[in-house]
Amino acid sequence: MSFLLNSPYITYILGALLIITVILLIFSVYLILYVLREYKKLEQMIDSAIDGNFQEESFDEQRLSRLQNKMYQFISSSFLGRKKVEEDKGKIEELISNISHQTKTPITTIKLYSGLLAECDLEEKEKHLVNQIVDQNDRMAFLIENLVKMSRLENGIVAVHPQMQDIALLMESLEGSYGNRTGKKIIFDPGYKEAGSVEAFYDLKWTVEAISNIIENALKYTDENGVIQISVKPYSSFTAVLVQDNGIGIAEEEQAAIFRRFYRSERVNGMKGIGLGLYLAREIIARQGGYISLKSEPGKGSLFQVFLAEKQ
């Protein structure tokens, strides 16, 4: 052992070990830098895909690792899929616009000529037929208008843009539309004016649309002596707009179904309607982070509460 320690070979052994250690250190540094570079390329791929700036390129196994190549293929297919979705959305928007435009002229024409016919000296049977034409034409116009709204909402063509604002803006808009309405009694609780500033997170235009659909529903199913009350009730995390009527009410087993598209209860099949108003109302409110609750009992009216978030 002492011979080995004093041997000149120990210098060569130590030198060789030092060289191997240096080589291993260099290789380790190279490997670390290589892995970091590969991860950087993956990160750039993902960032460009998120930003929508991903550009297709051709890569081989020598330029990218197998993981990168698979990641590239995945992102490339996802990016192409997103482009296809956007192209389809554009085609749907164009189709919806064409349907809306192409049907507007005949509907207006039918309305014009049926109005002229109604002014003529007609027999009772003929007047009844003209009234039927007017009613069905109005129904068709209403159906197309709501189908267009539904399609644009569902396809993201028209998006809601909620913001924090005073609930009084919403109530004043609704009161302006319904406050002076003749016929059935609509009462707006003035409490929203007296309670000071109560803010909620909502899109004014679309929320007016949603609550108007609920009010129209209440008007339709409340008799001439009925009363519809509209008020505001602040909660800890939400502000609720209440629409309460004393109309025909809704059976418990139907209360979830009334928010479905085109749902019509057998009890009201003889009345006008297409079953889209409440569906649109729920969709609009849900897209703003809110929700709608319903309490109702047949023969005792209904209470719709539209909950609007108080914080974003």
C-alpha atoms as a PDB file:
ATOM      1  CA  MET A   1       0.000   0.000   0.000  1.00  0.00           C
ATOM      2  CA  SER A   2       2.806   2.385   0.811  1.00  0.00           C
ATOM      3  CA  PHE A   3       4.307   1.468  -2.545  1.00  0.00           C
ATOM      4  CA  LEU A   4       1.156   2.610  -4.313  1.00  0.00           C
ATOM      5  CA  LEU A   5       1.009   5.828  -2.346  1.00  0.00           C
ATOM      6  CA  ASN A   6       4.608   6.628  -3.152  1.00  0.00           C
ATOM      7  CA  SER A   7       4.298   5.404  -6.727  1.00  0.00           C
ATOM      8  CA  PRO A   8       4.366   7.929  -9.560  1.00  0.00           C
ATOM      9  CA  TYR A   9       1.251   6.164 -10.899  1.00  0.00           C
ATOM     10  CA  ILE A  10      -0.860   7.806  -8.217  1.00  0.00           C
ATOM     11  CA  THR A  11      -0.321  11.122  -9.956  1.00  0.00           C
ATOM     12  CA  TYR A  12      -1.651   9.700 -13.189  1.00  0.00           C
ATOM     13  CA  ILE A  13      -4.627   8.121 -11.398  1.00  0.00           C
ATOM     14  CA  LEU A  14      -5.501  11.378  -9.638  1.00  0.00           C
ATOM     15  CA  GLY A  15      -5.058  13.278 -12.895  1.00  0.00           C
ATOM     16  CA  ALA A  16      -7.312  10.843 -14.703  1.00  0.00           C
ATOM     17  CA  LEU A  17      -9.943  11.152 -11.967  1.00  0.00           C
ATOM     18  CA  LEU A  18      -9.730  14.933 -12.168  1.00  0.00           C
ATOM     19  CA  ILE A  19     -10.139  14.847 -15.943  1.00  0.00           C
ATOM     20  CA  ILE A  20     -13.139  12.479 -15.627  1.00  0.00           C
ATOM     21  CA  THR A  21     -14.670  14.765 -12.968  1.00  0.00           C
ATOM     22  CA  VAL A  22     -14.215  17.812 -15.184  1.00  0.00           C
ATOM     23  CA  ILE A  23     -15.720  15.960 -18.156  1.00  0.00           C
ATOM     24  CA  LEU A  24     -18.700  14.890 -16.027  1.00  0.00           C
ATOM     25  CA  LEU A  25     -19.168  18.454 -14.805  1.00  0.00           C
ATOM     26  CA  ILE A  26     -19.033  19.789 -18.363  1.00  0.00           C
ATOM     27  CA  PHE A  27     -21.468  17.113 -19.522  1.00  0.00           C
ATOM     28  CA  SER A  28     -23.795  17.902 -16.610  1.00  0.00           C
ATOM     29  CA  VAL A  29     -23.724  21.616 -17.417  1.00  0.00           C
ATOM     30  CA  TYR A  30     -24.348  20.836 -21.099  1.00  0.00           C
ATOM     31  CA  LEU A  31     -27.226  18.521 -20.179  1.00  0.00           C
ATOM     32  CA  ILE A  32     -28.769  21.137 -17.903  1.00  0.00           C
ATOM     33  CA  LEU A  33     -28.467  23.816 -20.590  1.00  0.00           C
ATOM     34  CA  TYR A  34     -29.913  21.438 -23.183  1.00  0.00           C
ATOM     35  CA  VAL A  35     -32.916  20.608 -20.993  1.00  0.00           C
ATOM     36  CA  LEU A  36     -33.465  24.298 -20.211  1.00  0.00           C
ATOM     37  CA  ARG A  37     -33.290  25.127 -23.925  1.00  0.00           C
ATOM     38  CA  GLU A  38     -35.784  22.373 -24.750  1.00  0.00           C
ATOM     39  CA  TYR A  39     -38.158  23.555 -22.017  1.00  0.00           C
ATOM     40  CA  LYS A  40     -37.783  27.108 -23.303  1.00  0.00           C
ATOM     41  CA  LYS A  41     -38.855  25.951 -26.769  1.00  0.00           C
ATOM     42  CA  LEU A  42     -41.872  24.158 -25.269  1.00  0.00           C
ATOM     43  CA  GLU A  43     -42.760  27.263 -23.269  1.00  0.00           C
ATOM     44  CA  GLN A  44     -42.533  29.437 -26.387  1.00  0.00           C
ATOM     45  CA  MET A  45     -44.783  27.020 -28.273  1.00  0.00           C
ATOM     46  CA  ILE A  46     -47.416  27.105 -25.533  1.00  0.00           C
ATOM     47  CA  ASP A  47     -47.202  30.910 -25.110  1.00  0.00           C
ATOM     48  CA  SER A  48     -47.613  31.480 -28.849  1.00  0.00           C
ATOM     49  CA  ALA A  49     -50.601  29.122 -28.903  1.00  0.00           C
ATOM     50  CA  ILE A  50     -52.206  30.960 -25.957  1.00  0.00           C
ATOM     51  CA  ASP A  51     -51.618  34.329 -27.666  1.00  0.00           C
ATOM     52  CA  GLY A  52     -53.034  33.003 -30.939  1.00  0.00           C
ATOM     53  CA  ASN A  53     -49.730  33.584 -32.790  1.00  0.00           C
ATOM     54  CA  PHE A  54     -48.725  29.955 -33.227  1.00  0.00           C
ATOM     55  CA  GLN A  55     -47.111  29.376 -36.610  1.00  0.00           C
ATOM     56  CA  GLU A  56     -46.905  25.982 -38.231  1.00  0.00           C
ATOM     57  CA  GLU A  57     -43.413  24.682 -38.983  1.00  0.00           C
ATOM     58  CA  SER A  58     -41.932  21.325 -39.864  1.00  0.00           C
ATOM     59  CA  PHE A  59     -39.609  19.736 -37.340  1.00  0.00           C
ATOM     60  CA  ASP A  60     -37.670  16.494 -37.304  1.00  0.00           C
ATOM     61  CA  GLU A  61     -36.329  14.361 -34.478  1.00  0.00           C
ATOM     62  CA  GLN A  62     -32.851  15.905 -34.833  1.00  0.00           C
ATOM     63  CA  ARG A  63     -34.100  19.404 -34.049  1.00  0.00           C
ATOM     64  CA  LEU A  64     -36.589  18.543 -31.331  1.00  0.00           C
ATOM     65  CA  SER A  65     -36.891  15.899 -28.717  1.00  0.00           C
ATOM     66  CA  ARG A  66     -39.707  13.367 -29.012  1.00  0.00           C
ATOM     67  CA  LEU A  67     -41.573  15.250 -26.291  1.00  0.00           C
ATOM     68  CA  GLN A  68     -41.279  18.533 -28.155  1.00  0.00           C
ATOM     69  CA  ASN A  69     -42.342  16.905 -31.382  1.00  0.00           C
ATOM     70  CA  LYS A  70     -45.446  15.437 -29.748  1.00  0.00           C
ATOM     71  CA  MET A  71     -46.170  18.763 -28.060  1.00  0.00           C
ATOM     72  CA  TYR A  72     -45.836  20.499 -31.420  1.00  0.00           C
ATOM     73  CA  GLN A  73     -48.235  18.050 -33.048  1.00  0.00           C
ATOM     74  CA  PHE A  74     -50.760  18.531 -30.219  1.00  0.00           C
ATOM     75  CA  ILE A  75     -50.571  22.339 -30.273  1.00  0.00           C
ATOM     76  CA  SER A  76     -50.659  22.392 -34.061  1.00  0.00           C
ATOM     77  CA  SER A  77     -53.840  20.284 -34.184  1.00  0.00           C
ATOM     78  CA  SER A  78     -55.411  22.345 -31.367  1.00  0.00           C
ATOM     79  CA  PHE A  79     -54.531  25.586 -33.125  1.00  0.00           C
ATOM     80  CA  LEU A  80     -56.002  24.354 -36.404  1.00  0.00           C
ATOM     81  CA  GLY A  81     -59.105  23.232 -34.500  1.00  0.00           C
ATOM     82  CA  ARG A  82     -59.488  26.675 -32.942  1.00  0.00           C
ATOM     83  CA  LYS A  83     -59.095  28.333 -36.335  1.00  0.00           C
ATOM     84  CA  LYS A  84     -61.780  26.023 -37.714  1.00  0.00           C
ATOM     85  CA  VAL A  85     -64.112  26.919 -34.827  1.00  0.00           C
ATOM     86  CA  GLU A  86     -63.546  30.638 -35.484  1.00  0.00           C
ATOM     87  CA  GLU A  87     -64.209  30.146 -39.196  1.00  0.00           C
ATOM     88  CA  ASP A  88     -67.391  28.199 -38.422  1.00  0.00           C
ATOM     89  CA  LYS A  89     -68.468  30.925 -35.996  1.00  0.00           C
ATOM     90  CA  GLY A  90     -68.023  33.480 -38.774  1.00  0.00           C
ATOM     91  CA  LYS A  91     -70.124  31.360 -41.126  1.00  0.00           C
ATOM     92  CA  ILE A  92     -72.836  30.989 -38.477  1.00  0.00           C
ATOM     93  CA  GLU A  93     -72.868  34.747 -37.898  1.00  0.00           C
ATOM     94  CA  GLU A  94     -73.204  35.317 -41.639  1.00  0.00           C
ATOM     95  CA  LEU A  95     -76.012  32.743 -41.853  1.00  0.00           C
ATOM     96  CA  ILE A  96     -77.872  34.318 -38.925  1.00  0.00           C
ATOM     97  CA  SER A  97     -77.543  37.769 -40.470  1.00  0.00           C
ATOM     98  CA  ASN A  98     -78.822  36.459 -43.803  1.00  0.00           C
ATOM     99  CA  ILE A  99     -81.808  34.756 -42.169  1.00  0.00           C
ATOM    100  CA  SER A 100     -82.645  37.914 -40.236  1.00  0.00           C
ATOM    101  CA  HIS A 101     -82.290  40.085 -43.360  1.00  0.00           C
ATOM    102  CA  GLN A 102     -84.092  37.765 -45.781  1.00  0.00           C
ATOM    103  CA  THR A 103     -87.107  37.247 -43.518  1.00  0.00           C
ATOM    104  CA  LYS A 104     -87.496  40.894 -42.556  1.00  0.00           C
ATOM    105  CA  THR A 105     -88.852  41.974 -45.959  1.00  0.00           C
ATOM    106  CA  PRO A 106     -91.588  39.331 -46.367  1.00  0.00           C
ATOM    107  CA  ILE A 107     -92.694  39.734 -42.741  1.00  0.00           C
ATOM    108  CA  THR A 108     -92.954  43.515 -43.185  1.00  0.00           C
ATOM    109  CA  THR A 109     -94.800  43.049 -46.491  1.00  0.00           C
ATOM    110  CA  ILE A 110     -97.312  40.624 -44.984  1.00  0.00           C
ATOM    111  CA  LYS A 111     -97.888  43.047 -42.107  1.00  0.00           C
ATOM    112  CA  LEU A 112     -98.446  45.933 -44.535  1.00  0.00           C
ATOM    113  CA  TYR A 113    -100.919  44.109 -46.784  1.00  0.00           C
ATOM    114  CA  SER A 114    -102.802  42.497 -43.899  1.00  0.00           C
ATOM    115  CA  GLY A 115    -103.168  45.977 -42.391  1.00  0.00           C
ATOM    116  CA  LEU A 116    -104.573  47.276 -45.682  1.00  0.00           C
ATOM    117  CA  LEU A 117    -106.975  44.326 -45.831  1.00  0.00           C
ATOM    118  CA  ALA A 118    -108.144  45.018 -42.288  1.00  0.00           C
ATOM    119  CA  GLU A 119    -109.174  48.532 -43.356  1.00  0.00           C
ATOM    120  CA  CYS A 120    -111.407  47.173 -46.122  1.00  0.00           C
ATOM    121  CA  ASP A 121    -115.118  46.514 -45.761  1.00  0.00           C
ATOM    122  CA  LEU A 122    -114.900  42.811 -45.021  1.00  0.00           C
ATOM    123  CA  GLU A 123    -117.370  40.260 -43.766  1.00  0.00           C
ATOM    124  CA  GLU A 124    -116.900  38.862 -40.277  1.00  0.00           C
ATOM    125  CA  LYS A 125    -115.338  35.609 -41.513  1.00  0.00           C
ATOM    126  CA  GLU A 126    -112.878  37.484 -43.720  1.00  0.00           C
ATOM    127  CA  LYS A 127    -111.913  39.789 -40.851  1.00  0.00           C
ATOM    128  CA  HIS A 128    -111.244  36.733 -38.704  1.00  0.00           C
ATOM    129  CA  LEU A 129    -108.920  35.330 -41.383  1.00  0.00           C
ATOM    130  CA  VAL A 130    -107.056  38.640 -41.664  1.00  0.00           C
ATOM    131  CA  ASN A 131    -106.621  38.717 -37.881  1.00  0.00           C
ATOM    132  CA  GLN A 132    -105.235  35.194 -38.025  1.00  0.00           C
ATOM    133  CA  ILE A 133    -102.708  36.285 -40.663  1.00  0.00           C
ATOM    134  CA  VAL A 134    -101.657  39.247 -38.496  1.00  0.00           C
ATOM    135  CA  ASP A 135    -101.294  37.080 -35.381  1.00  0.00           C
ATOM    136  CA  GLN A 136     -99.270  34.386 -37.138  1.00  0.00           C
ATOM    137  CA  ASN A 137     -97.069  36.961 -38.855  1.00  0.00           C
ATOM    138  CA  ASP A 138     -96.361  38.642 -35.506  1.00  0.00           C
ATOM    139  CA  ARG A 139     -95.552  35.251 -34.024  1.00  0.00           C
ATOM    140  CA  MET A 140     -93.156  34.473 -36.870  1.00  0.00           C
ATOM    141  CA  ALA A 141     -91.391  37.830 -36.431  1.00  0.00           C
ATOM    142  CA  PHE A 142     -91.096  37.241 -32.687  1.00  0.00           C
ATOM    143  CA  LEU A 143     -89.782  33.700 -33.222  1.00  0.00           C
ATOM    144  CA  ILE A 144     -87.099  34.768 -35.702  1.00  0.00           C
ATOM    145  CA  GLU A 145     -86.014  37.669 -33.503  1.00  0.00           C
ATOM    146  CA  ASN A 146     -85.566  35.371 -30.503  1.00  0.00           C
ATOM    147  CA  LEU A 147     -83.896  32.612 -32.524  1.00  0.00           C
ATOM    148  CA  VAL A 148     -81.361  35.157 -33.758  1.00  0.00           C
ATOM    149  CA  LYS A 149     -80.702  36.334 -30.185  1.00  0.00           C
ATOM    150  CA  MET A 150     -80.374  32.756 -28.950  1.00  0.00           C
ATOM    151  CA  SER A 151     -77.997  31.736 -31.737  1.00  0.00           C
ATOM    152  CA  ARG A 152     -75.796  34.770 -31.281  1.00  0.00           C
ATOM    153  CA  LEU A 153     -75.567  34.228 -27.535  1.00  0.00           C
ATOM    154  CA  GLU A 154     -74.865  30.498 -27.783  1.00  0.00           C
ATOM    155  CA  ASN A 155     -72.197  30.955 -30.445  1.00  0.00           C
ATOM    156  CA  GLY A 156     -70.509  33.809 -28.621  1.00  0.00           C
ATOM    157  CA  ILE A 157     -71.220  36.211 -31.481  1.00  0.00           C
ATOM    158  CA  VAL A 158     -72.887  38.602 -29.063  1.00  0.00           C
ATOM    159  CA  ALA A 159     -71.261  38.629 -25.636  1.00  0.00           C
ATOM    160  CA  VAL A 160     -72.373  40.276 -22.423  1.00  0.00           C
ATOM    161  CA  HIS A 161     -69.999  42.832 -20.911  1.00  0.00           C
ATOM    162  CA  PRO A 162     -70.934  43.200 -17.238  1.00  0.00           C
ATOM    163  CA  GLN A 163     -69.465  45.918 -15.053  1.00  0.00           C
ATOM    164  CA  MET A 164     -69.981  47.270 -11.561  1.00  0.00           C
ATOM    165  CA  GLN A 165     -72.743  49.897 -11.676  1.00  0.00           C
ATOM    166  CA  ASP A 166     -75.659  51.241  -9.689  1.00  0.00           C
ATOM    167  CA  ILE A 167     -78.713  48.991  -9.698  1.00  0.00           C
ATOM    168  CA  ALA A 168     -80.814  52.152 -10.112  1.00  0.00           C
ATOM    169  CA  LEU A 169     -79.742  52.335 -13.774  1.00  0.00           C
ATOM    170  CA  LEU A 170     -81.343  48.954 -14.392  1.00  0.00           C
ATOM    171  CA  MET A 171     -84.522  49.758 -12.487  1.00  0.00           C
ATOM    172  CA  GLU A 172     -84.947  53.129 -14.183  1.00  0.00           C
ATOM    173  CA  SER A 173     -84.647  51.477 -17.610  1.00  0.00           C
ATOM    174  CA  LEU A 174     -87.272  48.891 -16.687  1.00  0.00           C
ATOM    175  CA  GLU A 175     -89.558  51.520 -15.180  1.00  0.00           C
ATOM    176  CA  GLY A 176     -89.203  53.600 -18.329  1.00  0.00           C
ATOM    177  CA  SER A 177     -90.405  50.637 -20.401  1.00  0.00           C
ATOM    178  CA  TYR A 178     -93.182  49.362 -18.139  1.00  0.00           C
ATOM    179  CA  GLY A 179     -93.989  52.102 -15.630  1.00  0.00           C
ATOM    180  CA  ASN A 180     -96.610  53.818 -17.808  1.00  0.00           C
ATOM    181  CA  ARG A 181     -98.040  50.654 -19.322  1.00  0.00           C
ATOM    182  CA  THR A 182    -101.823  50.561 -19.448  1.00  0.00           C
ATOM    183  CA  GLY A 183    -103.896  47.489 -18.618  1.00  0.00           C
ATOM    184  CA  LYS A 184    -102.416  45.139 -16.029  1.00  0.00           C
ATOM    185  CA  LYS A 185    -100.988  46.849 -12.986  1.00  0.00           C
ATOM    186  CA  ILE A 186     -97.196  46.961 -12.750  1.00  0.00           C
ATOM    187  CA  ILE A 187     -95.818  48.408  -9.500  1.00  0.00           C
ATOM    188  CA  PHE A 188     -92.185  49.425  -9.083  1.00  0.00           C
ATOM    189  CA  ASP A 189     -91.065  49.523  -5.457  1.00  0.00           C
ATOM    190  CA  PRO A 190     -89.365  52.940  -4.978  1.00  0.00           C
ATOM    191  CA  GLY A 191     -87.042  51.414  -2.371  1.00  0.00           C
ATOM    192  CA  TYR A 192     -84.171  51.218  -4.850  1.00  0.00           C
ATOM    193  CA  LYS A 193     -84.190  55.039  -4.987  1.00  0.00           C
ATOM    194  CA  GLU A 194     -84.418  55.546  -1.244  1.00  0.00           C
ATOM    195  CA  ALA A 195     -81.816  52.980  -0.149  1.00  0.00           C
ATOM    196  CA  GLY A 196     -78.916  54.880  -1.670  1.00  0.00           C
ATOM    197  CA  SER A 197     -76.393  53.491  -4.090  1.00  0.00           C
ATOM    198  CA  VAL A 198     -76.526  49.696  -4.445  1.00  0.00           C
ATOM    199  CA  GLU A 199     -74.085  48.371  -7.022  1.00  0.00           C
ATOM    200  CA  ALA A 200     -74.126  45.069  -8.903  1.00  0.00           C
ATOM    201  CA  PHE A 201     -72.085  43.405 -11.632  1.00  0.00           C
ATOM    202  CA  TYR A 202     -74.206  43.396 -14.807  1.00  0.00           C
ATOM    203  CA  ASP A 203     -74.532  44.394 -18.466  1.00  0.00           C
ATOM    204  CA  LEU A 204     -77.281  47.020 -18.601  1.00  0.00           C
ATOM    205  CA  LYS A 205     -78.630  46.281 -22.097  1.00  0.00           C
ATOM    206  CA  TRP A 206     -78.729  42.492 -21.776  1.00  0.00           C
ATOM    207  CA  THR A 207     -79.977  42.481 -18.178  1.00  0.00           C
ATOM    208  CA  VAL A 208     -82.880  44.738 -19.189  1.00  0.00           C
ATOM    209  CA  GLU A 209     -83.558  42.193 -21.943  1.00  0.00           C
ATOM    210  CA  ALA A 210     -83.499  39.281 -19.473  1.00  0.00           C
ATOM    211  CA  ILE A 211     -85.764  40.872 -16.853  1.00  0.00           C
ATOM    212  CA  SER A 212     -88.102  42.189 -19.544  1.00  0.00           C
ATOM    213  CA  ASN A 213     -88.591  38.590 -20.690  1.00  0.00           C
ATOM    214  CA  ILE A 214     -89.595  37.658 -17.141  1.00  0.00           C
ATOM    215  CA  ILE A 215     -91.969  40.638 -16.906  1.00  0.00           C
ATOM    216  CA  GLU A 216     -93.526  39.752 -20.279  1.00  0.00           C
ATOM    217  CA  ASN A 217     -93.997  36.205 -19.016  1.00  0.00           C
ATOM    218  CA  ALA A 218     -95.751  37.550 -15.913  1.00  0.00           C
ATOM    219  CA  LEU A 219     -97.983  39.800 -18.033  1.00  0.00           C
ATOM    220  CA  LYS A 220     -98.954  36.887 -20.256  1.00  0.00           C
ATOM    221  CA  TYR A 221    -100.052  34.621 -17.423  1.00  0.00           C
ATOM    222  CA  THR A 222    -101.702  37.192 -15.153  1.00  0.00           C
ATOM    223  CA  ASP A 223    -105.333  38.176 -15.714  1.00  0.00           C
ATOM    224  CA  GLU A 224    -106.578  41.718 -16.279  1.00  0.00           C
ATOM    225  CA  ASN A 225    -106.994  42.347 -12.534  1.00  0.00           C
ATOM    226  CA  GLY A 226    -103.552  40.998 -11.724  1.00  0.00           C
ATOM    227  CA  VAL A 227    -100.660  42.888 -10.155  1.00  0.00           C
ATOM    228  CA  ILE A 228     -96.960  42.570 -10.967  1.00  0.00           C
ATOM    229  CA  GLN A 229     -94.523  43.944  -8.402  1.00  0.00           C
ATOM    230  CA  ILE A 230     -90.880  44.694  -9.215  1.00  0.00           C
ATOM    231  CA  SER A 231     -88.411  45.429  -6.436  1.00  0.00           C
ATOM    232  CA  VAL A 232     -84.752  45.203  -5.369  1.00  0.00           C
ATOM    233  CA  LYS A 233     -83.400  43.202  -2.432  1.00  0.00           C
ATOM    234  CA  PRO A 234     -79.692  43.413  -1.464  1.00  0.00           C
ATOM    235  CA  TYR A 235     -77.977  40.281  -0.103  1.00  0.00           C
ATOM    236  CA  SER A 236     -74.449  39.744   1.219  1.00  0.00           C
ATOM    237  CA  SER A 237     -72.934  38.623  -2.124  1.00  0.00           C
ATOM    238  CA  PHE A 238     -75.729  39.386  -4.587  1.00  0.00           C
ATOM    239  CA  THR A 239     -78.351  41.986  -5.373  1.00  0.00           C
ATOM    240  CA  ALA A 240     -81.687  40.490  -6.412  1.00  0.00           C
ATOM    241  CA  VAL A 241     -84.302  41.995  -8.704  1.00  0.00           C
ATOM    242  CA  LEU A 242     -87.673  40.490  -7.753  1.00  0.00           C
ATOM    243  CA  VAL A 243     -90.565  40.060 -10.201  1.00  0.00           C
ATOM    244  CA  GLN A 244     -93.664  38.862  -8.376  1.00  0.00           C
ATOM    245  CA  ASP A 245     -97.116  38.273  -9.872  1.00  0.00           C
ATOM    246  CA  ASN A 246    -100.428  36.825  -8.716  1.00  0.00           C
ATOM    247  CA  GLY A 247    -101.074  34.937 -11.952  1.00  0.00           C
ATOM    248  CA  ILE A 248    -101.764  31.281 -12.726  1.00  0.00           C
ATOM    249  CA  GLY A 249     -98.582  30.014 -11.075  1.00  0.00           C
ATOM    250  CA  ILE A 250     -96.333  27.101 -12.058  1.00  0.00           C
ATOM    251  CA  ALA A 251     -96.544  23.524 -10.795  1.00  0.00           C
ATOM    252  CA  GLU A 252     -93.488  22.316  -8.854  1.00  0.00           C
ATOM    253  CA  GLU A 253     -92.685  19.545 -11.352  1.00  0.00           C
ATOM    254  CA  GLU A 254     -92.507  22.107 -14.166  1.00  0.00           C
ATOM    255  CA  GLN A 255     -90.425  24.773 -12.448  1.00  0.00           C
ATOM    256  CA  ALA A 256     -87.071  23.467 -13.720  1.00  0.00           C
ATOM    257  CA  ALA A 257     -88.409  22.725 -17.199  1.00  0.00           C
ATOM    258  CA  ILE A 258     -89.660  26.250 -17.932  1.00  0.00           C
ATOM    259  CA  PHE A 259     -86.066  27.434 -18.434  1.00  0.00           C
ATOM    260  CA  ARG A 260     -85.471  24.928 -21.243  1.00  0.00           C
ATOM    261  CA  ARG A 261     -85.560  25.955 -24.875  1.00  0.00           C
ATOM    262  CA  PHE A 262     -89.017  25.795 -26.483  1.00  0.00           C
ATOM    263  CA  TYR A 263     -90.643  24.341 -23.364  1.00  0.00           C
ATOM    264  CA  ARG A 264     -94.401  24.926 -23.256  1.00  0.00           C
ATOM    265  CA  SER A 265     -96.614  23.646 -20.466  1.00  0.00           C
ATOM    266  CA  GLU A 266     -99.751  21.787 -21.534  1.00  0.00           C
ATOM    267  CA  ARG A 267    -101.715  24.215 -19.342  1.00  0.00           C
ATOM    268  CA  VAL A 268    -100.825  27.168 -21.605  1.00  0.00           C
ATOM    269  CA  ASN A 269    -100.635  25.536 -25.031  1.00  0.00           C
ATOM    270  CA  GLY A 270    -103.598  27.609 -26.153  1.00  0.00           C
ATOM    271  CA  MET A 271    -101.810  30.883 -25.356  1.00  0.00           C
ATOM    272  CA  LYS A 272     -99.256  32.724 -27.467  1.00  0.00           C
ATOM    273  CA  GLY A 273     -95.623  31.947 -26.869  1.00  0.00           C
ATOM    274  CA  ILE A 274     -92.680  29.920 -28.183  1.00  0.00           C
ATOM    275  CA  GLY A 275     -90.821  29.012 -24.987  1.00  0.00           C
ATOM    276  CA  LEU A 276     -87.639  31.043 -25.471  1.00  0.00           C
ATOM    277  CA  GLY A 277     -88.063  34.062 -23.190  1.00  0.00           C
ATOM    278  CA  LEU A 278     -87.127  32.423 -19.887  1.00  0.00           C
ATOM    279  CA  TYR A 279     -84.391  30.370 -21.536  1.00  0.00           C
ATOM    280  CA  LEU A 280     -82.770  33.551 -22.870  1.00  0.00           C
ATOM    281  CA  ALA A 281     -83.184  35.259 -19.489  1.00  0.00           C
ATOM    282  CA  ARG A 282     -81.375  32.439 -17.687  1.00  0.00           C
ATOM    283  CA  GLU A 283     -78.554  32.340 -20.278  1.00  0.00           C
ATOM    284  CA  ILE A 284     -77.981  36.097 -20.077  1.00  0.00           C
ATOM    285  CA  ILE A 285     -77.885  36.177 -16.280  1.00  0.00           C
ATOM    286  CA  ALA A 286     -75.675  33.062 -16.036  1.00  0.00           C
ATOM    287  CA  ARG A 287     -73.109  34.609 -18.396  1.00  0.00           C
ATOM    288  CA  GLN A 288     -72.744  37.485 -15.927  1.00  0.00           C
ATOM    289  CA  GLY A 289     -72.092  35.232 -12.948  1.00  0.00           C
ATOM    290  CA  GLY A 290     -75.651  35.437 -11.647  1.00  0.00           C
ATOM    291  CA  TYR A 291     -78.617  33.102 -11.477  1.00  0.00           C
ATOM    292  CA  ILE A 292     -82.429  33.034 -11.355  1.00  0.00           C
ATOM    293  CA  SER A 293     -84.547  31.380  -8.678  1.00  0.00           C
ATOM    294  CA  LEU A 294     -88.270  30.651  -8.799  1.00  0.00           C
ATOM    295  CA  LYS A 295     -90.932  30.185  -6.144  1.00  0.00           C
ATOM    296  CA  SER A 296     -94.407  29.429  -7.408  1.00  0.00           C
ATOM    297  CA  GLU A 297     -97.653  27.654  -6.619  1.00  0.00           C
ATOM    298  CA  PRO A 298    -100.524  26.995  -9.026  1.00  0.00           C
ATOM    299  CA  GLY A 299    -103.237  29.584  -8.613  1.00  0.00           C
ATOM    300  CA  LYS A 300    -101.134  31.774  -6.293  1.00  0.00           C
ATOM    301  CA  GLY A 301     -98.657  33.413  -8.650  1.00  0.00           C
ATOM    302  CA  SER A 302     -94.899  33.288  -9.107  1.00  0.00           C
ATOM    303  CA  LEU A 303     -91.821  34.991  -7.693  1.00  0.00           C
ATOM    304  CA  PHE A 304     -88.743  35.222  -9.916  1.00  0.00           C
ATOM    305  CA  GLN A 305     -85.559  36.462  -8.249  1.00  0.00           C
ATOM    306  CA  VAL A 306     -82.741  37.554 -10.569  1.00  0.00           C
ATOM    307  CA  PHE A 307     -79.510  37.463  -8.567  1.00  0.00           C
ATOM    308  CA  LEU A 308     -76.747  39.778  -9.833  1.00  0.00           C
ATOM    309  CA  ALA A 309     -73.271  39.440  -8.363  1.00  0.00           C
ATOM    310  CA  GLU A 310     -72.030  42.361  -6.254  1.00  0.00           C
ATOM    311  CA  LYS A 311     -68.374  41.571  -6.946  1.00  0.00           C
ATOM    312  CA  GLN A 312     -66.536  40.579 -10.078  1.00  0.00           C
END
